[in-house]
């Protein structure tokens, strides 16, 4: 399970393109594509701005006006899937 107190980032070499309100990520090592919706993009943008996953979850909950526990569950599942696919990694430095 991922640690919500950490920041996560796209590993070096991950390719991405923006299409309307969505973003497509490609892991060239696996050939795995992943389409991010606005919610996924929001989380990545917040973590790119050096927020931890916990901070990004709070930001998303406030921005979307959604229940914090629901947002946290969805965000943790999203980060777990993205990490498993090699599209996100924890920042440890």
Protein backbone atom coordinates (compact mmCIF):
# COMPACT_ATOMS: atom_id res chain seq x y z
CA UNK A 1 0.00 0.00 0.00
CA UNK A 2 1.20 3.50 -0.79
CA UNK A 3 2.12 6.01 1.91
CA UNK A 4 -0.12 9.11 1.78
CA UNK A 5 2.48 11.16 3.64
CA UNK A 6 4.79 10.95 0.59
CA UNK A 7 4.84 12.84 -2.67
CA UNK A 8 4.56 10.87 -5.90
CA UNK A 9 5.83 11.76 -9.37
CA UNK A 10 5.97 10.41 -12.88
CA UNK A 11 9.24 8.49 -13.31
CA UNK A 12 11.80 9.71 -15.84
CA UNK A 13 10.93 8.48 -19.32
CA UNK A 14 7.16 8.49 -18.89
CA UNK A 15 5.62 10.19 -21.90
CA UNK A 16 2.48 12.28 -21.67
CA UNK A 17 0.15 14.27 -23.88
CA UNK A 18 -2.81 16.49 -23.06
CA UNK A 19 -6.09 15.92 -24.87
CA UNK A 20 -8.88 18.35 -23.95
CA UNK A 21 -9.39 17.99 -20.16
CA UNK A 22 -7.57 14.66 -20.02
CA UNK A 23 -3.99 13.49 -20.09
CA UNK A 24 -2.55 10.31 -21.58
CA UNK A 25 0.51 8.73 -19.95
CA UNK A 26 2.67 6.10 -21.65
CA UNK A 27 5.24 3.88 -20.01
CA UNK A 28 7.48 3.08 -23.01
CA UNK A 29 9.09 0.15 -21.16
CA UNK A 30 5.79 -1.69 -20.82
CA UNK A 31 3.79 -0.10 -23.63
CA UNK A 32 1.10 0.62 -21.00
CA UNK A 33 -1.12 3.64 -21.68
CA UNK A 34 -3.28 5.26 -19.05
CA UNK A 35 -5.90 7.95 -19.64
CA UNK A 36 -6.25 10.40 -16.76
CA UNK A 37 -9.51 12.21 -16.21
CA UNK A 38 -9.71 15.66 -14.59
CA UNK A 39 -9.55 14.16 -11.11
CA UNK A 40 -6.39 12.18 -11.86
CA UNK A 41 -4.81 15.22 -13.50
CA UNK A 42 -5.71 17.34 -10.47
CA UNK A 43 -3.95 14.93 -8.12
CA UNK A 44 -0.84 14.78 -10.32
CA UNK A 45 -0.74 18.56 -10.68
CA UNK A 46 -0.93 18.99 -6.90
CA UNK A 47 1.86 16.46 -6.34
CA UNK A 48 3.91 18.11 -9.11
CA UNK A 49 3.47 21.28 -7.02
CA UNK A 50 5.23 19.38 -4.21
CA UNK A 51 2.17 18.44 -2.20
CA UNK A 52 2.13 15.08 -0.46
CA UNK A 53 -0.63 12.67 -1.41
CA UNK A 54 -2.46 13.62 1.81
CA UNK A 55 -2.25 17.32 0.90
CA UNK A 56 -3.39 16.61 -2.66
CA UNK A 57 -6.36 14.64 -1.30
CA UNK A 58 -7.35 17.55 0.96
CA UNK A 59 -7.04 19.95 -1.99
CA UNK A 60 -9.17 17.72 -4.20
CA UNK A 61 -11.83 17.23 -1.54
CA UNK A 62 -12.08 21.00 -1.00
CA UNK A 63 -12.04 21.78 -4.74
CA UNK A 64 -14.65 19.17 -5.63
CA UNK A 65 -16.79 19.61 -2.50
CA UNK A 66 -16.70 15.84 -1.99
CA UNK A 67 -16.49 13.79 1.21
CA UNK A 68 -12.88 13.50 2.36
CA UNK A 69 -13.07 9.75 3.10
CA UNK A 70 -14.49 9.00 -0.34
CA UNK A 71 -11.85 11.14 -2.05
CA UNK A 72 -9.10 9.51 0.00
CA UNK A 73 -10.23 6.00 -0.90
CA UNK A 74 -10.45 6.83 -4.59
CA UNK A 75 -7.10 8.67 -4.58
CA UNK A 76 -5.31 5.83 -2.79
CA UNK A 77 -6.68 3.34 -5.35
CA UNK A 78 -5.60 5.63 -8.19
CA UNK A 79 -2.05 6.00 -6.87
CA UNK A 80 -1.80 2.27 -6.19
CA UNK A 81 -2.84 1.47 -9.79
CA UNK A 82 -0.51 4.08 -11.25
CA UNK A 83 2.42 2.86 -9.13
CA UNK A 84 1.78 -0.76 -10.10
CA UNK A 85 1.81 0.24 -13.78
CA UNK A 86 5.10 2.09 -13.39
CA UNK A 87 3.47 5.45 -14.10
CA UNK A 88 4.09 6.93 -10.63
CA UNK A 89 6.82 6.50 -8.05
CA UNK A 90 7.28 7.81 -4.51
CA UNK A 91 9.64 10.74 -4.05
CA UNK A 92 12.19 9.73 -1.44
CA UNK A 93 14.73 12.56 -1.67
